[in-house]
Amino acid sequence: RGKSFSVDLLPKIKIEMVVDEKDVDTVTNAITDVAR
């Protein structure tokens, strides 16, 4: 309505999971490839 205001906290999603050490690169690459 013609007035400028700042939104300093943006909505995001936090995904948490526990995986084997051998799967870390696979999981992080999958997230990065799709979310970028």
PDB file of all heavy atoms in Angstrom:
ATOM      1  N   ARG A   1       0.823  -1.213   0.000  1.00  0.00           N
ATOM      2  CA  ARG A   1       0.000   0.000   0.000  1.00  0.00           C
ATOM      3  C   ARG A   1       0.857   1.263   0.000  1.00  0.00           C
ATOM      4  O   ARG A   1       0.610   2.206   0.736  1.00  0.00           O
ATOM      5  CB  ARG A   1      -0.960  -0.001   1.179  1.00  0.00           C
ATOM      6  CG  ARG A   1      -2.000  -1.074   1.080  1.00  0.00           C
ATOM      7  CD  ARG A   1      -3.042  -0.951   2.143  1.00  0.00           C
ATOM      8  NE  ARG A   1      -4.047  -1.985   1.975  1.00  0.00           N
ATOM      9  CZ  ARG A   1      -5.096  -2.113   2.741  1.00  0.00           C
ATOM     10  NH1 ARG A   1      -5.287  -1.276   3.742  1.00  0.00           N
ATOM     11  NH2 ARG A   1      -5.956  -3.072   2.526  1.00  0.00           N
ATOM     12  N   GLY A   2       1.901   1.234  -0.793  1.00  0.00           N
ATOM     13  CA  GLY A   2       2.752   2.395  -0.965  1.00  0.00           C
ATOM     14  C   GLY A   2       3.796   2.594   0.115  1.00  0.00           C
ATOM     15  O   GLY A   2       4.586   3.533   0.042  1.00  0.00           O
ATOM     16  N   LYS A   3       3.817   1.760   1.109  1.00  0.00           N
ATOM     17  CA  LYS A   3       4.797   1.901   2.185  1.00  0.00           C
ATOM     18  C   LYS A   3       5.794   0.757   2.110  1.00  0.00           C
ATOM     19  O   LYS A   3       5.439  -0.384   1.873  1.00  0.00           O
ATOM     20  CB  LYS A   3       4.116   1.904   3.555  1.00  0.00           C
ATOM     21  CG  LYS A   3       3.267   3.128   3.785  1.00  0.00           C
ATOM     22  CD  LYS A   3       2.778   3.175   5.198  1.00  0.00           C
ATOM     23  CE  LYS A   3       1.968   4.462   5.387  1.00  0.00           C
ATOM     24  NZ  LYS A   3       1.555   4.646   6.759  1.00  0.00           N
ATOM     25  N   SER A   4       7.043   1.080   2.339  1.00  0.00           N
ATOM     26  CA  SER A   4       8.119   0.109   2.297  1.00  0.00           C
ATOM     27  C   SER A   4       8.371  -0.448   3.700  1.00  0.00           C
ATOM     28  O   SER A   4       8.398   0.304   4.671  1.00  0.00           O
ATOM     29  CB  SER A   4       9.388   0.788   1.766  1.00  0.00           C
ATOM     30  OG  SER A   4      10.451  -0.109   1.777  1.00  0.00           O
ATOM     31  N   PHE A   5       8.498  -1.769   3.786  1.00  0.00           N
ATOM     32  CA  PHE A   5       8.853  -2.364   5.068  1.00  0.00           C
ATOM     33  C   PHE A   5       9.770  -3.554   4.838  1.00  0.00           C
ATOM     34  O   PHE A   5       9.804  -4.138   3.768  1.00  0.00           O
ATOM     35  CB  PHE A   5       7.606  -2.763   5.877  1.00  0.00           C
ATOM     36  CG  PHE A   5       6.765  -3.819   5.224  1.00  0.00           C
ATOM     37  CD1 PHE A   5       6.904  -5.146   5.581  1.00  0.00           C
ATOM     38  CD2 PHE A   5       5.826  -3.483   4.261  1.00  0.00           C
ATOM     39  CE1 PHE A   5       6.135  -6.114   4.982  1.00  0.00           C
ATOM     40  CE2 PHE A   5       5.048  -4.455   3.658  1.00  0.00           C
ATOM     41  CZ  PHE A   5       5.201  -5.773   4.020  1.00  0.00           C
ATOM     42  N   SER A   6      10.527  -3.889   5.881  1.00  0.00           N
ATOM     43  CA  SER A   6      11.527  -4.942   5.776  1.00  0.00           C
ATOM     44  C   SER A   6      11.038  -6.220   6.461  1.00  0.00           C
ATOM     45  O   SER A   6      10.501  -6.178   7.562  1.00  0.00           O
ATOM     46  CB  SER A   6      12.825  -4.475   6.431  1.00  0.00           C
ATOM     47  OG  SER A   6      13.786  -5.495   6.360  1.00  0.00           O
ATOM     48  N   VAL A   7      11.204  -7.343   5.770  1.00  0.00           N
ATOM     49  CA  VAL A   7      10.909  -8.653   6.343  1.00  0.00           C
ATOM     50  C   VAL A   7      12.264  -9.317   6.556  1.00  0.00           C
ATOM     51  O   VAL A   7      12.932  -9.698   5.602  1.00  0.00           O
ATOM     52  CB  VAL A   7      10.032  -9.496   5.388  1.00  0.00           C
ATOM     53  CG1 VAL A   7       9.768 -10.869   5.986  1.00  0.00           C
ATOM     54  CG2 VAL A   7       8.732  -8.777   5.066  1.00  0.00           C
ATOM     55  N   ASP A   8      12.687  -9.411   7.819  1.00  0.00           N
ATOM     56  CA  ASP A   8      14.041  -9.911   8.061  1.00  0.00           C
ATOM     57  C   ASP A   8      14.104 -11.399   8.421  1.00  0.00           C
ATOM     58  O   ASP A   8      15.177 -11.987   8.447  1.00  0.00           O
ATOM     59  CB  ASP A   8      14.756  -9.080   9.123  1.00  0.00           C
ATOM     60  CG  ASP A   8      14.045  -9.080  10.456  1.00  0.00           C
ATOM     61  OD1 ASP A   8      12.921  -9.591  10.541  1.00  0.00           O
ATOM     62  OD2 ASP A   8      14.632  -8.564  11.425  1.00  0.00           O
ATOM     63  N   LEU A   9      12.973 -12.036   8.691  1.00  0.00           N
ATOM     64  CA  LEU A   9      12.950 -13.471   8.955  1.00  0.00           C
ATOM     65  C   LEU A   9      12.095 -14.146   7.885  1.00  0.00           C
ATOM     66  O   LEU A   9      10.879 -14.033   7.891  1.00  0.00           O
ATOM     67  CB  LEU A   9      12.406 -13.769  10.356  1.00  0.00           C
ATOM     68  CG  LEU A   9      13.254 -13.233  11.503  1.00  0.00           C
ATOM     69  CD1 LEU A   9      12.569 -13.496  12.835  1.00  0.00           C
ATOM     70  CD2 LEU A   9      14.637 -13.844  11.499  1.00  0.00           C
ATOM     71  N   LEU A  10      12.758 -14.838   6.987  1.00  0.00           N
ATOM     72  CA  LEU A  10      12.072 -15.455   5.856  1.00  0.00           C
ATOM     73  C   LEU A  10      11.688 -16.896   6.178  1.00  0.00           C
ATOM     74  O   LEU A  10      12.406 -17.594   6.887  1.00  0.00           O
ATOM     75  CB  LEU A  10      12.990 -15.429   4.628  1.00  0.00           C
ATOM     76  CG  LEU A  10      13.447 -14.033   4.195  1.00  0.00           C
ATOM     77  CD1 LEU A  10      14.465 -14.142   3.075  1.00  0.00           C
ATOM     78  CD2 LEU A  10      12.256 -13.213   3.754  1.00  0.00           C
ATOM     79  N   PRO A  11      10.556 -17.356   5.639  1.00  0.00           N
ATOM     80  CA  PRO A  11      10.153 -18.745   5.888  1.00  0.00           C
ATOM     81  C   PRO A  11      11.078 -19.718   5.164  1.00  0.00           C
ATOM     82  O   PRO A  11      11.412 -19.533   3.993  1.00  0.00           O
ATOM     83  CB  PRO A  11       8.733 -18.807   5.321  1.00  0.00           C
ATOM     84  CG  PRO A  11       8.647 -17.685   4.350  1.00  0.00           C
ATOM     85  CD  PRO A  11       9.597 -16.628   4.814  1.00  0.00           C
ATOM     86  N   LYS A  12      11.504 -20.742   5.866  1.00  0.00           N
ATOM     87  CA  LYS A  12      12.366 -21.793   5.321  1.00  0.00           C
ATOM     88  C   LYS A  12      11.870 -23.139   5.840  1.00  0.00           C
ATOM     89  O   LYS A  12      11.036 -23.205   6.732  1.00  0.00           O
ATOM     90  CB  LYS A  12      13.836 -21.601   5.761  1.00  0.00           C
ATOM     91  CG  LYS A  12      14.472 -20.305   5.320  1.00  0.00           C
ATOM     92  CD  LYS A  12      14.778 -20.319   3.858  1.00  0.00           C
ATOM     93  CE  LYS A  12      15.458 -19.017   3.463  1.00  0.00           C
ATOM     94  NZ  LYS A  12      15.764 -18.986   2.057  1.00  0.00           N
ATOM     95  N   ILE A  13      12.412 -24.203   5.301  1.00  0.00           N
ATOM     96  CA  ILE A  13      12.118 -25.559   5.746  1.00  0.00           C
ATOM     97  C   ILE A  13      13.410 -26.183   6.254  1.00  0.00           C
ATOM     98  O   ILE A  13      14.455 -26.071   5.604  1.00  0.00           O
ATOM     99  CB  ILE A  13      11.546 -26.413   4.593  1.00  0.00           C
ATOM    100  CG1 ILE A  13      10.231 -25.837   4.083  1.00  0.00           C
ATOM    101  CG2 ILE A  13      11.392 -27.878   5.013  1.00  0.00           C
ATOM    102  CD1 ILE A  13       9.082 -25.913   5.058  1.00  0.00           C
ATOM    103  N   LYS A  14      13.334 -26.850   7.397  1.00  0.00           N
ATOM    104  CA  LYS A  14      14.490 -27.559   7.951  1.00  0.00           C
ATOM    105  C   LYS A  14      14.200 -29.057   7.877  1.00  0.00           C
ATOM    106  O   LYS A  14      13.180 -29.519   8.391  1.00  0.00           O
ATOM    107  CB  LYS A  14      14.731 -27.139   9.402  1.00  0.00           C
ATOM    108  CG  LYS A  14      15.925 -27.805  10.046  1.00  0.00           C
ATOM    109  CD  LYS A  14      16.075 -27.279  11.469  1.00  0.00           C
ATOM    110  CE  LYS A  14      17.273 -27.865  12.151  1.00  0.00           C
ATOM    111  NZ  LYS A  14      17.414 -27.338  13.524  1.00  0.00           N
ATOM    112  N   ILE A  15      15.098 -29.783   7.217  1.00  0.00           N
ATOM    113  CA  ILE A  15      14.980 -31.231   7.101  1.00  0.00           C
ATOM    114  C   ILE A  15      16.129 -31.845   7.885  1.00  0.00           C
ATOM    115  O   ILE A  15      17.289 -31.474   7.681  1.00  0.00           O
ATOM    116  CB  ILE A  15      15.058 -31.680   5.627  1.00  0.00           C
ATOM    117  CG1 ILE A  15      13.989 -30.971   4.798  1.00  0.00           C
ATOM    118  CG2 ILE A  15      14.906 -33.197   5.525  1.00  0.00           C
ATOM    119  CD1 ILE A  15      14.128 -31.211   3.308  1.00  0.00           C
ATOM    120  N   GLU A  16      15.805 -32.767   8.784  1.00  0.00           N
ATOM    121  CA  GLU A  16      16.821 -33.440   9.595  1.00  0.00           C
ATOM    122  C   GLU A  16      16.734 -34.941   9.371  1.00  0.00           C
ATOM    123  O   GLU A  16      15.634 -35.492   9.312  1.00  0.00           O
ATOM    124  CB  GLU A  16      16.602 -33.161  11.078  1.00  0.00           C
ATOM    125  CG  GLU A  16      16.672 -31.694  11.444  1.00  0.00           C
ATOM    126  CD  GLU A  16      16.292 -31.450  12.885  1.00  0.00           C
ATOM    127  OE1 GLU A  16      17.170 -31.570  13.750  1.00  0.00           O
ATOM    128  OE2 GLU A  16      15.113 -31.169  13.130  1.00  0.00           O
ATOM    129  N   MET A  17      17.887 -35.589   9.232  1.00  0.00           N
ATOM    130  CA  MET A  17      17.928 -37.040   9.093  1.00  0.00           C
ATOM    131  C   MET A  17      19.257 -37.561   9.608  1.00  0.00           C
ATOM    132  O   MET A  17      20.236 -36.822   9.653  1.00  0.00           O
ATOM    133  CB  MET A  17      17.699 -37.462   7.649  1.00  0.00           C
ATOM    134  CG  MET A  17      18.812 -37.061   6.705  1.00  0.00           C
ATOM    135  SD  MET A  17      18.259 -36.630   5.073  1.00  0.00           S
ATOM    136  CE  MET A  17      17.685 -34.968   5.327  1.00  0.00           C
ATOM    137  N   VAL A  18      19.273 -38.826   9.998  1.00  0.00           N
ATOM    138  CA  VAL A  18      20.499 -39.485  10.437  1.00  0.00           C
ATOM    139  C   VAL A  18      20.794 -40.596   9.432  1.00  0.00           C
ATOM    140  O   VAL A  18      19.915 -41.388   9.097  1.00  0.00           O
ATOM    141  CB  VAL A  18      20.345 -40.053  11.862  1.00  0.00           C
ATOM    142  CG1 VAL A  18      21.591 -40.823  12.270  1.00  0.00           C
ATOM    143  CG2 VAL A  18      20.079 -38.928  12.847  1.00  0.00           C
ATOM    144  N   VAL A  19      22.035 -40.602   8.928  1.00  0.00           N
ATOM    145  CA  VAL A  19      22.425 -41.572   7.904  1.00  0.00           C
ATOM    146  C   VAL A  19      23.789 -42.172   8.254  1.00  0.00           C
ATOM    147  O   VAL A  19      24.521 -41.638   9.083  1.00  0.00           O
ATOM    148  CB  VAL A  19      22.487 -40.922   6.494  1.00  0.00           C
ATOM    149  CG1 VAL A  19      21.140 -40.344   6.093  1.00  0.00           C
ATOM    150  CG2 VAL A  19      23.557 -39.853   6.420  1.00  0.00           C
ATOM    151  N   ASP A  20      24.118 -43.286   7.614  1.00  0.00           N
ATOM    152  CA  ASP A  20      25.461 -43.860   7.744  1.00  0.00           C
ATOM    153  C   ASP A  20      26.485 -42.901   7.155  1.00  0.00           C
ATOM    154  O   ASP A  20      26.167 -42.163   6.210  1.00  0.00           O
ATOM    155  CB  ASP A  20      25.557 -45.192   7.001  1.00  0.00           C
ATOM    156  CG  ASP A  20      24.853 -46.321   7.721  1.00  0.00           C
ATOM    157  OD1 ASP A  20      24.841 -46.335   8.970  1.00  0.00           O
ATOM    158  OD2 ASP A  20      24.333 -47.198   7.019  1.00  0.00           O
ATOM    159  N   GLU A  21      27.699 -42.937   7.666  1.00  0.00           N
ATOM    160  CA  GLU A  21      28.754 -42.056   7.149  1.00  0.00           C
ATOM    161  C   GLU A  21      28.975 -42.237   5.661  1.00  0.00           C
ATOM    162  O   GLU A  21      29.230 -41.286   4.948  1.00  0.00           O
ATOM    163  CB  GLU A  21      30.067 -42.291   7.903  1.00  0.00           C
ATOM    164  CG  GLU A  21      30.123 -41.544   9.205  1.00  0.00           C
ATOM    165  CD  GLU A  21      31.504 -41.549   9.815  1.00  0.00           C
ATOM    166  OE1 GLU A  21      32.472 -41.145   9.134  1.00  0.00           O
ATOM    167  OE2 GLU A  21      31.602 -41.936  10.997  1.00  0.00           O
ATOM    168  N   LYS A  22      28.865 -43.466   5.176  1.00  0.00           N
ATOM    169  CA  LYS A  22      29.101 -43.740   3.756  1.00  0.00           C
ATOM    170  C   LYS A  22      28.047 -43.091   2.850  1.00  0.00           C
ATOM    171  O   LYS A  22      28.286 -42.916   1.662  1.00  0.00           O
ATOM    172  CB  LYS A  22      29.161 -45.240   3.503  1.00  0.00           C
ATOM    173  CG  LYS A  22      27.870 -45.980   3.762  1.00  0.00           C
ATOM    174  CD  LYS A  22      28.012 -47.464   3.458  1.00  0.00           C
ATOM    175  CE  LYS A  22      26.789 -48.269   3.767  1.00  0.00           C
ATOM    176  NZ  LYS A  22      25.557 -47.795   3.208  1.00  0.00           N
ATOM    177  N   ASP A  23      26.894 -42.714   3.413  1.00  0.00           N
ATOM    178  CA  ASP A  23      25.805 -42.141   2.612  1.00  0.00           C
ATOM    179  C   ASP A  23      25.754 -40.613   2.633  1.00  0.00           C
ATOM    180  O   ASP A  23      24.914 -40.013   1.963  1.00  0.00           O
ATOM    181  CB  ASP A  23      24.459 -42.694   3.101  1.00  0.00           C
ATOM    182  CG  ASP A  23      24.351 -44.194   2.922  1.00  0.00           C
ATOM    183  OD1 ASP A  23      24.932 -44.714   1.947  1.00  0.00           O
ATOM    184  OD2 ASP A  23      23.688 -44.847   3.751  1.00  0.00           O
ATOM    185  N   VAL A  24      26.638 -39.981   3.383  1.00  0.00           N
ATOM    186  CA  VAL A  24      26.572 -38.526   3.549  1.00  0.00           C
ATOM    187  C   VAL A  24      26.699 -37.797   2.206  1.00  0.00           C
ATOM    188  O   VAL A  24      25.889 -36.913   1.898  1.00  0.00           O
ATOM    189  CB  VAL A  24      27.641 -38.024   4.551  1.00  0.00           C
ATOM    190  CG1 VAL A  24      27.742 -36.507   4.531  1.00  0.00           C
ATOM    191  CG2 VAL A  24      27.315 -38.506   5.948  1.00  0.00           C
ATOM    192  N   ASP A  25      27.687 -38.153   1.398  1.00  0.00           N
ATOM    193  CA  ASP A  25      27.869 -37.464   0.116  1.00  0.00           C
ATOM    194  C   ASP A  25      26.675 -37.672  -0.804  1.00  0.00           C
ATOM    195  O   ASP A  25      26.226 -36.737  -1.478  1.00  0.00           O
ATOM    196  CB  ASP A  25      29.149 -37.931  -0.580  1.00  0.00           C
ATOM    197  CG  ASP A  25      30.407 -37.385   0.083  1.00  0.00           C
ATOM    198  OD1 ASP A  25      30.310 -36.374   0.810  1.00  0.00           O
ATOM    199  OD2 ASP A  25      31.485 -37.971  -0.119  1.00  0.00           O
ATOM    200  N   THR A  26      26.129 -38.877  -0.839  1.00  0.00           N
ATOM    201  CA  THR A  26      24.968 -39.165  -1.685  1.00  0.00           C
ATOM    202  C   THR A  26      23.776 -38.315  -1.269  1.00  0.00           C
ATOM    203  O   THR A  26      23.094 -37.717  -2.111  1.00  0.00           O
ATOM    204  CB  THR A  26      24.594 -40.661  -1.593  1.00  0.00           C
ATOM    205  OG1 THR A  26      25.736 -41.438  -1.937  1.00  0.00           O
ATOM    206  CG2 THR A  26      23.442 -41.003  -2.507  1.00  0.00           C
ATOM    207  N   VAL A  27      23.519 -38.240   0.032  1.00  0.00           N
ATOM    208  CA  VAL A  27      22.375 -37.480   0.544  1.00  0.00           C
ATOM    209  C   VAL A  27      22.568 -35.982   0.323  1.00  0.00           C
ATOM    210  O   VAL A  27      21.664 -35.293  -0.167  1.00  0.00           O
ATOM    211  CB  VAL A  27      22.134 -37.794   2.038  1.00  0.00           C
ATOM    212  CG1 VAL A  27      21.081 -36.866   2.625  1.00  0.00           C
ATOM    213  CG2 VAL A  27      21.718 -39.250   2.211  1.00  0.00           C
ATOM    214  N   THR A  28      23.745 -35.454   0.665  1.00  0.00           N
ATOM    215  CA  THR A  28      23.960 -34.016   0.500  1.00  0.00           C
ATOM    216  C   THR A  28      23.945 -33.619  -0.973  1.00  0.00           C
ATOM    217  O   THR A  28      23.426 -32.550  -1.319  1.00  0.00           O
ATOM    218  CB  THR A  28      25.268 -33.559   1.175  1.00  0.00           C
ATOM    219  OG1 THR A  28      26.362 -34.322   0.665  1.00  0.00           O
ATOM    220  CG2 THR A  28      25.189 -33.703   2.685  1.00  0.00           C
ATOM    221  N   ASN A  29      24.472 -34.466  -1.857  1.00  0.00           N
ATOM    222  CA  ASN A  29      24.413 -34.166  -3.291  1.00  0.00           C
ATOM    223  C   ASN A  29      22.982 -34.182  -3.802  1.00  0.00           C
ATOM    224  O   ASN A  29      22.600 -33.345  -4.634  1.00  0.00           O
ATOM    225  CB  ASN A  29      25.268 -35.152  -4.089  1.00  0.00           C
ATOM    226  CG  ASN A  29      26.748 -34.928  -3.886  1.00  0.00           C
ATOM    227  OD1 ASN A  29      27.182 -33.851  -3.500  1.00  0.00           O
ATOM    228  ND2 ASN A  29      27.537 -35.961  -4.127  1.00  0.00           N
ATOM    229  N   ALA A  30      22.170 -35.112  -3.317  1.00  0.00           N
ATOM    230  CA  ALA A  30      20.768 -35.178  -3.738  1.00  0.00           C
ATOM    231  C   ALA A  30      20.022 -33.914  -3.328  1.00  0.00           C
ATOM    232  O   ALA A  30      19.253 -33.356  -4.119  1.00  0.00           O
ATOM    233  CB  ALA A  30      20.097 -36.412  -3.135  1.00  0.00           C
ATOM    234  N   ILE A  31      20.259 -33.450  -2.116  1.00  0.00           N
ATOM    235  CA  ILE A  31      19.601 -32.226  -1.641  1.00  0.00           C
ATOM    236  C   ILE A  31      20.072 -31.032  -2.458  1.00  0.00           C
ATOM    237  O   ILE A  31      19.273 -30.231  -2.934  1.00  0.00           O
ATOM    238  CB  ILE A  31      19.876 -31.998  -0.140  1.00  0.00           C
ATOM    239  CG1 ILE A  31      19.241 -33.112   0.685  1.00  0.00           C
ATOM    240  CG2 ILE A  31      19.351 -30.631   0.301  1.00  0.00           C
ATOM    241  CD1 ILE A  31      19.692 -33.139   2.137  1.00  0.00           C
ATOM    242  N   THR A  32      21.386 -30.905  -2.613  1.00  0.00           N
ATOM    243  CA  THR A  32      21.960 -29.764  -3.324  1.00  0.00           C
ATOM    244  C   THR A  32      21.480 -29.703  -4.778  1.00  0.00           C
ATOM    245  O   THR A  32      21.109 -28.631  -5.269  1.00  0.00           O
ATOM    246  CB  THR A  32      23.500 -29.833  -3.291  1.00  0.00           C
ATOM    247  OG1 THR A  32      23.921 -29.876  -1.939  1.00  0.00           O
ATOM    248  CG2 THR A  32      24.116 -28.633  -3.961  1.00  0.00           C
ATOM    249  N   ASP A  33      21.482 -30.840  -5.459  1.00  0.00           N
ATOM    250  CA  ASP A  33      21.083 -30.864  -6.870  1.00  0.00           C
ATOM    251  C   ASP A  33      19.654 -30.375  -7.070  1.00  0.00           C
ATOM    252  O   ASP A  33      19.360 -29.679  -8.043  1.00  0.00           O
ATOM    253  CB  ASP A  33      21.219 -32.276  -7.446  1.00  0.00           C
ATOM    254  CG  ASP A  33      22.670 -32.713  -7.575  1.00  0.00           C
ATOM    255  OD1 ASP A  33      23.570 -31.847  -7.498  1.00  0.00           O
ATOM    256  OD2 ASP A  33      22.896 -33.933  -7.749  1.00  0.00           O
ATOM    257  N   VAL A  34      18.760 -30.729  -6.154  1.00  0.00           N
ATOM    258  CA  VAL A  34      17.352 -30.385  -6.317  1.00  0.00           C
ATOM    259  C   VAL A  34      17.020 -29.002  -5.748  1.00  0.00           C
ATOM    260  O   VAL A  34      16.191 -28.283  -6.301  1.00  0.00           O
ATOM    261  CB  VAL A  34      16.467 -31.466  -5.650  1.00  0.00           C
ATOM    262  CG1 VAL A  34      15.010 -31.099  -5.707  1.00  0.00           C
ATOM    263  CG2 VAL A  34      16.697 -32.805  -6.329  1.00  0.00           C
ATOM    264  N   ALA A  35      17.665 -28.617  -4.651  1.00  0.00           N
ATOM    265  CA  ALA A  35      17.307 -27.367  -3.964  1.00  0.00           C
ATOM    266  C   ALA A  35      17.991 -26.134  -4.531  1.00  0.00           C
ATOM    267  O   ALA A  35      17.575 -25.016  -4.252  1.00  0.00           O
ATOM    268  CB  ALA A  35      17.634 -27.490  -2.476  1.00  0.00           C
ATOM    269  N   ARG A  36      19.024 -26.308  -5.344  1.00  0.00           N
ATOM    270  CA  ARG A  36      19.797 -25.161  -5.847  1.00  0.00           C
ATOM    271  C   ARG A  36      19.019 -24.398  -6.918  1.00  0.00           C
ATOM    272  O   ARG A  36      18.545 -24.955  -7.889  1.00  0.00           O
ATOM    273  CB  ARG A  36      21.118 -25.632  -6.430  1.00  0.00           C
ATOM    274  CG  ARG A  36      21.951 -24.471  -6.999  1.00  0.00           C
ATOM    275  CD  ARG A  36      23.225 -24.933  -7.661  1.00  0.00           C
ATOM    276  NE  ARG A  36      24.144 -25.457  -6.651  1.00  0.00           N
ATOM    277  CZ  ARG A  36      24.780 -26.605  -6.780  1.00  0.00           C
ATOM    278  NH1 ARG A  36      24.615 -27.360  -7.840  1.00  0.00           N
ATOM    279  NH2 ARG A  36      25.600 -27.007  -5.832  1.00  0.00           N
TER     280      ARG A  36
END
